[in-house]
Amino acid sequence: MLEFRDITLEDKQLVENCTKWVNYHLCEHCFTDLFIWRGHYETKICFYKEFLFVKMKTTDDKKTMYLAPIGKGDLADAIKTLEQDAKDNNIEFAMCSIAEDMKPQIETLFPNRYEYHTDEGGWDYIYLSEKLQTLSGKKLQSKRNLVNRFMANHEGRWTYEDLSKENIHDAFNFHIKWCEQNGCMRDNSFWGETCAIGAGLNYFEPLNLRGGVLRLDGEVIAFTFGSQASDDMFVVQIEKADHNIAGAYQMINQQFVKRNCTHVKYINREEDLGLEGLRKAKKSYYPEMMGVKYCAKIK
């Protein structure tokens, strides 16, 4: 039986030693995501040979699922080992976060063994960093206009700061204010996200995060943070802005990428969770590609 355990900060290098062998551009392959959401998903990890195994629970019905093994070596052996762990623990085997490019590999290794399904709400939105920096082109003209209008309307009144230990508390307090404004204080997802944001801010330096705070007349109106997941991709884990201030979201988005992500090709802004408003907002930036993911169950 595999020995799954809680994920800790000390696992960062071990996790990245496994994820460096593949580059499917999925946010689940980023240590920061696994770490800050560990409480919400009851995340457990195990290292098997040169693979990372991750076991999580769904938020609604608390069913156990495994993430597709990531690493170097015999993939068939790794998957069989996960199946055996499920059997040993009397768990129905479910393997998720199977990247689109990984699915045919699994089908070749295990022909007609699994049935697959995918949920568009869980797909990652992946953009070209250069496009988010410049907002160039006709498709992004409306975003560019909002940024320019914000700068003109609030000239001399707005500032952007790198997120640091000096303003971390201001960012967290804005998150609470944002949740009050949006009526999500009693929502279970609020507590999960609040814990994730707290973990990110509390361990900002050890996680090697980068972030930004946008102020208007000295008051925080937006903040964001993220981390580099691979040589060519940065993942934005959290972004919050006051939707009552036109251009606030567009400003924090562009300013952060311009100052922190010029060295990577892609920006992964994660999934839309099936929320129509979030889906519309993320599609309006015209992603370069989608991080399609599948789940597999034994037929």
C-alpha atoms as a PDB file:
ATOM      1  CA  MET A   1       0.000   0.000   0.000  1.00  0.00           C
ATOM      2  CA  LEU A   2       1.251   3.453  -0.892  1.00  0.00           C
ATOM      3  CA  GLU A   3       2.028   5.864   1.933  1.00  0.00           C
ATOM      4  CA  PHE A   4       0.259   9.095   1.068  1.00  0.00           C
ATOM      5  CA  ARG A   5       0.887  12.061   3.379  1.00  0.00           C
ATOM      6  CA  ASP A   6       0.226  15.774   3.705  1.00  0.00           C
ATOM      7  CA  ILE A   7       2.088  18.035   1.301  1.00  0.00           C
ATOM      8  CA  THR A   8       4.605  20.414   2.926  1.00  0.00           C
ATOM      9  CA  LEU A   9       6.832  23.276   1.835  1.00  0.00           C
ATOM     10  CA  GLU A  10       9.792  20.914   2.004  1.00  0.00           C
ATOM     11  CA  ASP A  11       8.255  18.961  -0.899  1.00  0.00           C
ATOM     12  CA  LYS A  12       8.606  21.850  -3.368  1.00  0.00           C
ATOM     13  CA  GLN A  13      11.844  20.672  -4.956  1.00  0.00           C
ATOM     14  CA  LEU A  14      10.776  17.020  -4.959  1.00  0.00           C
ATOM     15  CA  VAL A  15       7.517  17.892  -6.738  1.00  0.00           C
ATOM     16  CA  GLU A  16       9.308  20.062  -9.286  1.00  0.00           C
ATOM     17  CA  ASN A  17      11.832  17.286  -9.931  1.00  0.00           C
ATOM     18  CA  CYS A  18       8.886  15.177 -11.148  1.00  0.00           C
ATOM     19  CA  THR A  19       6.930  17.836 -13.032  1.00  0.00           C
ATOM     20  CA  LYS A  20       9.979  19.008 -15.000  1.00  0.00           C
ATOM     21  CA  TRP A  21       9.845  15.878 -17.163  1.00  0.00           C
ATOM     22  CA  VAL A  22       6.552  16.828 -18.799  1.00  0.00           C
ATOM     23  CA  ASN A  23       5.045  20.128 -19.846  1.00  0.00           C
ATOM     24  CA  TYR A  24       1.322  19.804 -20.387  1.00  0.00           C
ATOM     25  CA  HIS A  25       0.745  23.430 -19.274  1.00  0.00           C
ATOM     26  CA  LEU A  26      -1.787  22.431 -16.601  1.00  0.00           C
ATOM     27  CA  CYS A  27      -2.093  24.345 -13.332  1.00  0.00           C
ATOM     28  CA  GLU A  28      -2.245  21.115 -11.293  1.00  0.00           C
ATOM     29  CA  HIS A  29       1.403  20.552 -12.176  1.00  0.00           C
ATOM     30  CA  CYS A  30       2.362  23.694 -10.266  1.00  0.00           C
ATOM     31  CA  PHE A  31       3.538  23.115  -6.694  1.00  0.00           C
ATOM     32  CA  THR A  32       1.926  26.348  -5.511  1.00  0.00           C
ATOM     33  CA  ASP A  33      -1.532  25.185  -6.587  1.00  0.00           C
ATOM     34  CA  LEU A  34      -1.132  21.854  -4.825  1.00  0.00           C
ATOM     35  CA  PHE A  35       0.153  23.523  -1.664  1.00  0.00           C
ATOM     36  CA  ILE A  36      -2.211  26.471  -1.182  1.00  0.00           C
ATOM     37  CA  TRP A  37      -5.339  24.413  -1.949  1.00  0.00           C
ATOM     38  CA  ARG A  38      -4.235  21.437   0.151  1.00  0.00           C
ATOM     39  CA  GLY A  39      -6.800  22.056   2.885  1.00  0.00           C
ATOM     40  CA  HIS A  40      -9.729  22.594   0.539  1.00  0.00           C
ATOM     41  CA  TYR A  41      -9.112  19.365  -1.401  1.00  0.00           C
ATOM     42  CA  GLU A  42      -7.549  17.375   1.462  1.00  0.00           C
ATOM     43  CA  THR A  43      -4.511  16.879  -0.765  1.00  0.00           C
ATOM     44  CA  LYS A  44      -2.126  14.004  -0.066  1.00  0.00           C
ATOM     45  CA  ILE A  45       1.025  13.135  -1.988  1.00  0.00           C
ATOM     46  CA  CYS A  46       3.323  10.193  -2.456  1.00  0.00           C
ATOM     47  CA  PHE A  47       6.572   9.782  -4.390  1.00  0.00           C
ATOM     48  CA  TYR A  48       6.861   6.515  -6.285  1.00  0.00           C
ATOM     49  CA  LYS A  49      10.105   5.865  -8.138  1.00  0.00           C
ATOM     50  CA  GLU A  50      10.404   9.070 -10.232  1.00  0.00           C
ATOM     51  CA  PHE A  51       6.682   9.848 -10.235  1.00  0.00           C
ATOM     52  CA  LEU A  52       4.542  12.217  -8.200  1.00  0.00           C
ATOM     53  CA  PHE A  53       1.252  10.731  -7.026  1.00  0.00           C
ATOM     54  CA  VAL A  54      -1.498  13.044  -5.777  1.00  0.00           C
ATOM     55  CA  LYS A  55      -4.704  12.003  -4.022  1.00  0.00           C
ATOM     56  CA  MET A  56      -7.503  14.538  -3.457  1.00  0.00           C
ATOM     57  CA  LYS A  57     -11.176  14.705  -2.514  1.00  0.00           C
ATOM     58  CA  THR A  58     -13.955  16.405  -4.431  1.00  0.00           C
ATOM     59  CA  THR A  59     -15.485  19.361  -2.620  1.00  0.00           C
ATOM     60  CA  ASP A  60     -19.117  18.384  -3.065  1.00  0.00           C
ATOM     61  CA  ASP A  61     -19.359  14.674  -2.277  1.00  0.00           C
ATOM     62  CA  LYS A  62     -15.861  14.086  -0.816  1.00  0.00           C
ATOM     63  CA  LYS A  63     -15.048  11.307  -3.264  1.00  0.00           C
ATOM     64  CA  THR A  64     -11.394  10.375  -3.567  1.00  0.00           C
ATOM     65  CA  MET A  65      -9.660  10.867  -6.885  1.00  0.00           C
ATOM     66  CA  TYR A  66      -6.091  10.555  -8.087  1.00  0.00           C
ATOM     67  CA  LEU A  67      -4.337  12.987 -10.381  1.00  0.00           C
ATOM     68  CA  ALA A  68      -2.655  11.401 -13.376  1.00  0.00           C
ATOM     69  CA  PRO A  69       0.903  10.440 -12.359  1.00  0.00           C
ATOM     70  CA  ILE A  70       3.557  12.925 -13.425  1.00  0.00           C
ATOM     71  CA  GLY A  71       7.222  12.090 -13.748  1.00  0.00           C
ATOM     72  CA  LYS A  72       9.731   9.954 -15.577  1.00  0.00           C
ATOM     73  CA  GLY A  73       9.642   6.226 -16.124  1.00  0.00           C
ATOM     74  CA  ASP A  74       7.130   3.435 -16.692  1.00  0.00           C
ATOM     75  CA  LEU A  75       3.732   5.162 -16.914  1.00  0.00           C
ATOM     76  CA  ALA A  76       1.849   1.859 -17.126  1.00  0.00           C
ATOM     77  CA  ASP A  77       3.440   0.671 -13.895  1.00  0.00           C
ATOM     78  CA  ALA A  78       2.624   3.987 -12.202  1.00  0.00           C
ATOM     79  CA  ILE A  79      -1.063   3.803 -13.180  1.00  0.00           C
ATOM     80  CA  LYS A  80      -1.345   0.145 -12.160  1.00  0.00           C
ATOM     81  CA  THR A  81       0.140   1.091  -8.797  1.00  0.00           C
ATOM     82  CA  LEU A  82      -2.501   3.793  -8.321  1.00  0.00           C
ATOM     83  CA  GLU A  83      -5.223   1.305  -9.252  1.00  0.00           C
ATOM     84  CA  GLN A  84      -3.903  -1.103  -6.660  1.00  0.00           C
ATOM     85  CA  ASP A  85      -3.896   1.620  -4.005  1.00  0.00           C
ATOM     86  CA  ALA A  86      -7.548   2.323  -4.740  1.00  0.00           C
ATOM     87  CA  LYS A  87      -8.326  -1.396  -4.471  1.00  0.00           C
ATOM     88  CA  ASP A  88      -6.413  -1.719  -1.199  1.00  0.00           C
ATOM     89  CA  ASN A  89      -8.398   1.176   0.250  1.00  0.00           C
ATOM     90  CA  ASN A  90     -11.751   0.042  -1.179  1.00  0.00           C
ATOM     91  CA  ILE A  91     -11.984   3.195  -3.311  1.00  0.00           C
ATOM     92  CA  GLU A  92     -13.580   3.415  -6.747  1.00  0.00           C
ATOM     93  CA  PHE A  93     -10.662   4.307  -9.015  1.00  0.00           C
ATOM     94  CA  ALA A  94     -10.887   7.720 -10.657  1.00  0.00           C
ATOM     95  CA  MET A  95      -7.906   9.398 -12.318  1.00  0.00           C
ATOM     96  CA  CYS A  96      -8.222  13.068 -13.254  1.00  0.00           C
ATOM     97  CA  SER A  97      -6.180  15.932 -14.709  1.00  0.00           C
ATOM     98  CA  ILE A  98      -5.224  13.783 -17.686  1.00  0.00           C
ATOM     99  CA  ALA A  99      -3.805  16.205 -20.220  1.00  0.00           C
ATOM    100  CA  GLU A 100      -5.058  16.056 -23.792  1.00  0.00           C
ATOM    101  CA  ASP A 101      -1.623  14.901 -24.998  1.00  0.00           C
ATOM    102  CA  MET A 102      -1.420  12.284 -22.256  1.00  0.00           C
ATOM    103  CA  LYS A 103      -4.761  10.647 -23.008  1.00  0.00           C
ATOM    104  CA  PRO A 104      -3.623   8.779 -26.174  1.00  0.00           C
ATOM    105  CA  GLN A 105      -0.587   7.484 -24.270  1.00  0.00           C
ATOM    106  CA  ILE A 106      -2.860   5.964 -21.650  1.00  0.00           C
ATOM    107  CA  GLU A 107      -5.221   4.579 -24.291  1.00  0.00           C
ATOM    108  CA  THR A 108      -2.265   2.893 -26.002  1.00  0.00           C
ATOM    109  CA  LEU A 109      -1.048   1.376 -22.733  1.00  0.00           C
ATOM    110  CA  PHE A 110      -4.557   0.339 -21.594  1.00  0.00           C
ATOM    111  CA  PRO A 111      -6.731  -0.114 -24.689  1.00  0.00           C
ATOM    112  CA  ASN A 112     -10.458  -0.022 -23.972  1.00  0.00           C
ATOM    113  CA  ARG A 113      -9.904  -0.150 -20.198  1.00  0.00           C
ATOM    114  CA  TYR A 114     -11.158   3.312 -19.247  1.00  0.00           C
ATOM    115  CA  GLU A 115     -14.075   5.525 -20.025  1.00  0.00           C
ATOM    116  CA  TYR A 116     -13.169   9.190 -20.215  1.00  0.00           C
ATOM    117  CA  HIS A 117     -15.102  12.353 -19.558  1.00  0.00           C
ATOM    118  CA  THR A 118     -14.223  16.013 -19.514  1.00  0.00           C
ATOM    119  CA  ASP A 119     -15.789  19.134 -18.034  1.00  0.00           C
ATOM    120  CA  GLU A 120     -15.151  22.410 -19.844  1.00  0.00           C
ATOM    121  CA  GLY A 121     -15.421  24.241 -16.524  1.00  0.00           C
ATOM    122  CA  GLY A 122     -12.159  22.622 -15.468  1.00  0.00           C
ATOM    123  CA  TRP A 123     -10.125  23.539 -18.542  1.00  0.00           C
ATOM    124  CA  ASP A 124      -7.269  26.012 -18.098  1.00  0.00           C
ATOM    125  CA  TYR A 125      -7.201  29.276 -20.052  1.00  0.00           C
ATOM    126  CA  ILE A 126      -3.707  29.761 -21.471  1.00  0.00           C
ATOM    127  CA  TYR A 127      -2.680  33.052 -23.071  1.00  0.00           C
ATOM    128  CA  LEU A 128       0.347  34.465 -24.819  1.00  0.00           C
ATOM    129  CA  SER A 129       2.242  36.603 -22.322  1.00  0.00           C
ATOM    130  CA  GLU A 130       3.062  39.178 -25.006  1.00  0.00           C
ATOM    131  CA  LYS A 131      -0.634  39.678 -25.787  1.00  0.00           C
ATOM    132  CA  LEU A 132      -1.557  40.278 -22.143  1.00  0.00           C
ATOM    133  CA  GLN A 133       1.296  42.764 -21.837  1.00  0.00           C
ATOM    134  CA  THR A 134       0.495  44.851 -24.909  1.00  0.00           C
ATOM    135  CA  LEU A 135      -3.244  44.168 -25.410  1.00  0.00           C
ATOM    136  CA  SER A 136      -2.463  44.659 -29.075  1.00  0.00           C
ATOM    137  CA  GLY A 137      -4.808  43.859 -31.934  1.00  0.00           C
ATOM    138  CA  LYS A 138      -8.448  44.409 -32.718  1.00  0.00           C
ATOM    139  CA  LYS A 139      -9.724  41.573 -30.502  1.00  0.00           C
ATOM    140  CA  LEU A 140      -8.265  43.176 -27.388  1.00  0.00           C
ATOM    141  CA  GLN A 141      -9.110  46.762 -28.268  1.00  0.00           C
ATOM    142  CA  SER A 142     -11.851  46.954 -25.620  1.00  0.00           C
ATOM    143  CA  LYS A 143      -9.364  45.863 -22.934  1.00  0.00           C
ATOM    144  CA  ARG A 144      -6.840  48.389 -24.171  1.00  0.00           C
ATOM    145  CA  ASN A 145      -9.481  51.113 -24.088  1.00  0.00           C
ATOM    146  CA  LEU A 146     -10.423  50.281 -20.489  1.00  0.00           C
ATOM    147  CA  VAL A 147      -6.787  50.457 -19.386  1.00  0.00           C
ATOM    148  CA  ASN A 148      -6.218  53.772 -21.180  1.00  0.00           C
ATOM    149  CA  ARG A 149      -9.443  55.212 -19.770  1.00  0.00           C
ATOM    150  CA  PHE A 150      -8.521  54.121 -16.244  1.00  0.00           C
ATOM    151  CA  MET A 151      -5.129  55.823 -16.521  1.00  0.00           C
ATOM    152  CA  ALA A 152      -6.652  59.011 -17.919  1.00  0.00           C
ATOM    153  CA  ASN A 153      -9.532  59.211 -15.437  1.00  0.00           C
ATOM    154  CA  HIS A 154      -7.325  58.512 -12.424  1.00  0.00           C
ATOM    155  CA  GLU A 155      -4.095  60.217 -13.451  1.00  0.00           C
ATOM    156  CA  GLY A 156      -1.900  60.873 -10.440  1.00  0.00           C
ATOM    157  CA  ARG A 157      -4.246  58.898  -8.171  1.00  0.00           C
ATOM    158  CA  TRP A 158      -3.363  55.267  -8.908  1.00  0.00           C
ATOM    159  CA  THR A 159      -0.272  53.269  -8.025  1.00  0.00           C
ATOM    160  CA  TYR A 160       0.908  49.717  -8.633  1.00  0.00           C
ATOM    161  CA  GLU A 161       3.126  47.976  -6.069  1.00  0.00           C
ATOM    162  CA  ASP A 162       4.846  44.629  -6.048  1.00  0.00           C
ATOM    163  CA  LEU A 163       3.289  42.395  -3.432  1.00  0.00           C
ATOM    164  CA  SER A 164       5.588  42.185  -0.402  1.00  0.00           C
ATOM    165  CA  LYS A 165       5.518  41.650   3.355  1.00  0.00           C
ATOM    166  CA  GLU A 166       4.743  45.373   3.708  1.00  0.00           C
ATOM    167  CA  ASN A 167       1.390  45.175   1.881  1.00  0.00           C
ATOM    168  CA  ILE A 168       0.344  41.528   2.254  1.00  0.00           C
ATOM    169  CA  HIS A 169      -2.155  42.390   5.000  1.00  0.00           C
ATOM    170  CA  ASP A 170      -3.685  45.086   2.788  1.00  0.00           C
ATOM    171  CA  ALA A 171      -4.172  42.520   0.028  1.00  0.00           C
ATOM    172  CA  PHE A 172      -5.829  40.007   2.372  1.00  0.00           C
ATOM    173  CA  ASN A 173      -8.115  42.664   3.823  1.00  0.00           C
ATOM    174  CA  PHE A 174      -9.191  43.567   0.292  1.00  0.00           C
ATOM    175  CA  HIS A 175     -10.064  39.921  -0.335  1.00  0.00           C
ATOM    176  CA  ILE A 176     -12.428  39.977   2.665  1.00  0.00           C
ATOM    177  CA  LYS A 177     -13.954  43.242   1.405  1.00  0.00           C
ATOM    178  CA  TRP A 178     -14.336  41.741  -2.081  1.00  0.00           C
ATOM    179  CA  CYS A 179     -16.180  38.736  -0.669  1.00  0.00           C
ATOM    180  CA  GLU A 180     -18.504  40.989   1.324  1.00  0.00           C
ATOM    181  CA  GLN A 181     -19.251  43.000  -1.830  1.00  0.00           C
ATOM    182  CA  ASN A 182     -19.957  39.862  -3.846  1.00  0.00           C
ATOM    183  CA  GLY A 183     -22.067  38.077  -1.231  1.00  0.00           C
ATOM    184  CA  CYS A 184     -19.921  34.986  -0.895  1.00  0.00           C
ATOM    185  CA  MET A 185     -19.129  35.086   2.835  1.00  0.00           C
ATOM    186  CA  ARG A 186     -21.399  32.106   3.518  1.00  0.00           C
ATOM    187  CA  ASP A 187     -20.341  30.114   0.471  1.00  0.00           C
ATOM    188  CA  ASN A 188     -18.161  27.064   1.155  1.00  0.00           C
ATOM    189  CA  SER A 189     -15.919  28.048  -1.755  1.00  0.00           C
ATOM    190  CA  PHE A 190     -15.208  31.342   0.050  1.00  0.00           C
ATOM    191  CA  TRP A 191     -13.580  29.497   2.923  1.00  0.00           C
ATOM    192  CA  GLY A 192     -11.566  27.324   0.581  1.00  0.00           C
ATOM    193  CA  GLU A 193     -10.323  30.287  -1.417  1.00  0.00           C
ATOM    194  CA  THR A 194      -9.693  32.327   1.728  1.00  0.00           C
ATOM    195  CA  CYS A 195      -7.497  29.551   3.113  1.00  0.00           C
ATOM    196  CA  ALA A 196      -5.694  29.289  -0.235  1.00  0.00           C
ATOM    197  CA  ILE A 197      -5.069  33.045  -0.359  1.00  0.00           C
ATOM    198  CA  GLY A 198      -3.933  33.011   3.265  1.00  0.00           C
ATOM    199  CA  ALA A 199      -1.492  30.192   2.556  1.00  0.00           C
ATOM    200  CA  GLY A 200      -0.120  31.970  -0.501  1.00  0.00           C
ATOM    201  CA  LEU A 201       0.379  35.231   1.362  1.00  0.00           C
ATOM    202  CA  ASN A 202       1.773  33.613   4.522  1.00  0.00           C
ATOM    203  CA  TYR A 203       4.325  31.593   2.536  1.00  0.00           C
ATOM    204  CA  PHE A 204       4.871  34.162  -0.191  1.00  0.00           C
ATOM    205  CA  GLU A 205       8.676  34.043  -0.135  1.00  0.00           C
ATOM    206  CA  PRO A 206       9.207  30.265   0.355  1.00  0.00           C
ATOM    207  CA  LEU A 207       6.791  29.605  -2.525  1.00  0.00           C
ATOM    208  CA  ASN A 208       8.724  32.087  -4.669  1.00  0.00           C
ATOM    209  CA  LEU A 209       5.519  33.886  -5.599  1.00  0.00           C
ATOM    210  CA  ARG A 210       5.209  37.175  -7.420  1.00  0.00           C
ATOM    211  CA  GLY A 211       2.285  39.502  -6.983  1.00  0.00           C
ATOM    212  CA  GLY A 212       0.954  43.000  -7.313  1.00  0.00           C
ATOM    213  CA  VAL A 213      -1.337  45.481  -5.578  1.00  0.00           C
ATOM    214  CA  LEU A 214      -3.276  48.231  -7.362  1.00  0.00           C
ATOM    215  CA  ARG A 215      -4.301  51.279  -5.316  1.00  0.00           C
ATOM    216  CA  LEU A 216      -6.563  54.242  -6.000  1.00  0.00           C
ATOM    217  CA  ASP A 217      -6.169  57.214  -3.674  1.00  0.00           C
ATOM    218  CA  GLY A 218      -4.128  54.944  -1.441  1.00  0.00           C
ATOM    219  CA  GLU A 219      -6.814  52.279  -1.079  1.00  0.00           C
ATOM    220  CA  VAL A 220      -6.356  48.766  -2.482  1.00  0.00           C
ATOM    221  CA  ILE A 221      -8.737  48.133  -5.382  1.00  0.00           C
ATOM    222  CA  ALA A 222      -7.073  44.981  -6.773  1.00  0.00           C
ATOM    223  CA  PHE A 223      -4.380  42.410  -6.087  1.00  0.00           C
ATOM    224  CA  THR A 224      -2.998  39.300  -7.695  1.00  0.00           C
ATOM    225  CA  PHE A 225      -0.286  36.686  -7.298  1.00  0.00           C
ATOM    226  CA  GLY A 226       1.110  33.691  -9.121  1.00  0.00           C
ATOM    227  CA  SER A 227       4.157  31.520  -9.680  1.00  0.00           C
ATOM    228  CA  GLN A 228       6.244  30.033 -12.443  1.00  0.00           C
ATOM    229  CA  ALA A 229       5.237  26.451 -13.209  1.00  0.00           C
ATOM    230  CA  SER A 230       7.636  25.642 -16.051  1.00  0.00           C
ATOM    231  CA  ASP A 231      10.328  27.277 -18.146  1.00  0.00           C
ATOM    232  CA  ASP A 232       7.759  28.761 -20.513  1.00  0.00           C
ATOM    233  CA  MET A 233       4.656  29.230 -18.334  1.00  0.00           C
ATOM    234  CA  PHE A 234       3.540  31.352 -15.386  1.00  0.00           C
ATOM    235  CA  VAL A 235       0.346  30.505 -13.477  1.00  0.00           C
ATOM    236  CA  VAL A 236      -1.834  33.253 -12.011  1.00  0.00           C
ATOM    237  CA  GLN A 237      -3.339  31.656  -8.922  1.00  0.00           C
ATOM    238  CA  ILE A 238      -5.356  34.581  -7.561  1.00  0.00           C
ATOM    239  CA  GLU A 239      -6.739  37.820  -9.007  1.00  0.00           C
ATOM    240  CA  LYS A 240      -9.268  40.111  -7.295  1.00  0.00           C
ATOM    241  CA  ALA A 241     -10.453  43.602  -8.249  1.00  0.00           C
ATOM    242  CA  ASP A 242     -13.283  45.988  -7.428  1.00  0.00           C
ATOM    243  CA  HIS A 243     -15.730  45.455 -10.292  1.00  0.00           C
ATOM    244  CA  ASN A 244     -17.367  48.796  -9.514  1.00  0.00           C
ATOM    245  CA  ILE A 245     -14.248  50.589 -10.754  1.00  0.00           C
ATOM    246  CA  ALA A 246     -14.066  50.421 -14.538  1.00  0.00           C
ATOM    247  CA  GLY A 247     -10.725  49.087 -15.714  1.00  0.00           C
ATOM    248  CA  ALA A 248      -9.545  47.782 -12.337  1.00  0.00           C
ATOM    249  CA  TYR A 249      -9.452  44.138 -13.471  1.00  0.00           C
ATOM    250  CA  GLN A 250      -7.814  45.006 -16.771  1.00  0.00           C
ATOM    251  CA  MET A 251      -5.212  47.176 -15.027  1.00  0.00           C
ATOM    252  CA  ILE A 252      -4.120  44.613 -12.421  1.00  0.00           C
ATOM    253  CA  ASN A 253      -3.983  41.956 -15.135  1.00  0.00           C
ATOM    254  CA  GLN A 254      -1.818  43.944 -17.528  1.00  0.00           C
ATOM    255  CA  GLN A 255       0.404  45.647 -14.951  1.00  0.00           C
ATOM    256  CA  PHE A 256       1.232  42.363 -13.262  1.00  0.00           C
ATOM    257  CA  VAL A 257       2.133  40.556 -16.484  1.00  0.00           C
ATOM    258  CA  LYS A 258       4.201  43.501 -17.766  1.00  0.00           C
ATOM    259  CA  ARG A 259       6.241  43.575 -14.576  1.00  0.00           C
ATOM    260  CA  ASN A 260       6.594  39.891 -13.794  1.00  0.00           C
ATOM    261  CA  CYS A 261       6.016  37.659 -16.799  1.00  0.00           C
ATOM    262  CA  THR A 262       8.018  39.055 -19.725  1.00  0.00           C
ATOM    263  CA  HIS A 263      10.386  36.066 -19.555  1.00  0.00           C
ATOM    264  CA  VAL A 264       7.746  33.409 -20.295  1.00  0.00           C
ATOM    265  CA  LYS A 265       5.702  32.626 -23.384  1.00  0.00           C
ATOM    266  CA  TYR A 266       2.468  31.551 -21.703  1.00  0.00           C
ATOM    267  CA  ILE A 267       0.237  32.729 -18.873  1.00  0.00           C
ATOM    268  CA  ASN A 268      -2.104  30.124 -17.394  1.00  0.00           C
ATOM    269  CA  ARG A 269      -5.077  31.839 -15.731  1.00  0.00           C
ATOM    270  CA  GLU A 270      -6.639  28.556 -14.617  1.00  0.00           C
ATOM    271  CA  GLU A 271     -10.237  27.413 -15.037  1.00  0.00           C
ATOM    272  CA  ASP A 272     -13.611  29.153 -14.966  1.00  0.00           C
ATOM    273  CA  LEU A 273     -15.256  26.587 -12.642  1.00  0.00           C
ATOM    274  CA  GLY A 274     -18.329  26.608 -14.874  1.00  0.00           C
ATOM    275  CA  LEU A 275     -19.236  30.123 -13.679  1.00  0.00           C
ATOM    276  CA  GLU A 276     -20.793  31.975 -16.602  1.00  0.00           C
ATOM    277  CA  GLY A 277     -19.456  35.408 -15.657  1.00  0.00           C
ATOM    278  CA  LEU A 278     -15.923  34.106 -15.145  1.00  0.00           C
ATOM    279  CA  ARG A 279     -16.097  32.130 -18.387  1.00  0.00           C
ATOM    280  CA  LYS A 280     -17.174  35.208 -20.324  1.00  0.00           C
ATOM    281  CA  ALA A 281     -14.368  37.280 -18.786  1.00  0.00           C
ATOM    282  CA  LYS A 282     -11.669  34.718 -19.536  1.00  0.00           C
ATOM    283  CA  LYS A 283     -12.862  34.086 -23.083  1.00  0.00           C
ATOM    284  CA  SER A 284     -12.874  37.834 -23.746  1.00  0.00           C
ATOM    285  CA  TYR A 285      -9.066  37.807 -23.549  1.00  0.00           C
ATOM    286  CA  TYR A 286      -8.929  35.212 -26.365  1.00  0.00           C
ATOM    287  CA  PRO A 287      -6.745  32.402 -25.008  1.00  0.00           C
ATOM    288  CA  GLU A 288      -4.046  30.991 -27.245  1.00  0.00           C
ATOM    289  CA  MET A 289      -5.078  27.490 -26.208  1.00  0.00           C
ATOM    290  CA  MET A 290      -7.076  25.601 -23.597  1.00  0.00           C
ATOM    291  CA  GLY A 291      -5.587  23.201 -21.090  1.00  0.00           C
ATOM    292  CA  VAL A 292      -8.062  20.380 -21.725  1.00  0.00           C
ATOM    293  CA  LYS A 293      -8.266  17.756 -18.980  1.00  0.00           C
ATOM    294  CA  TYR A 294      -9.932  14.352 -18.751  1.00  0.00           C
ATOM    295  CA  CYS A 295     -10.970  12.027 -15.977  1.00  0.00           C
ATOM    296  CA  ALA A 296     -10.852   8.266 -16.396  1.00  0.00           C
ATOM    297  CA  LYS A 297     -12.743   5.475 -14.689  1.00  0.00           C
ATOM    298  CA  ILE A 298     -12.451   1.752 -15.215  1.00  0.00           C
ATOM    299  CA  LYS A 299     -15.202   0.429 -17.514  1.00  0.00           C
END
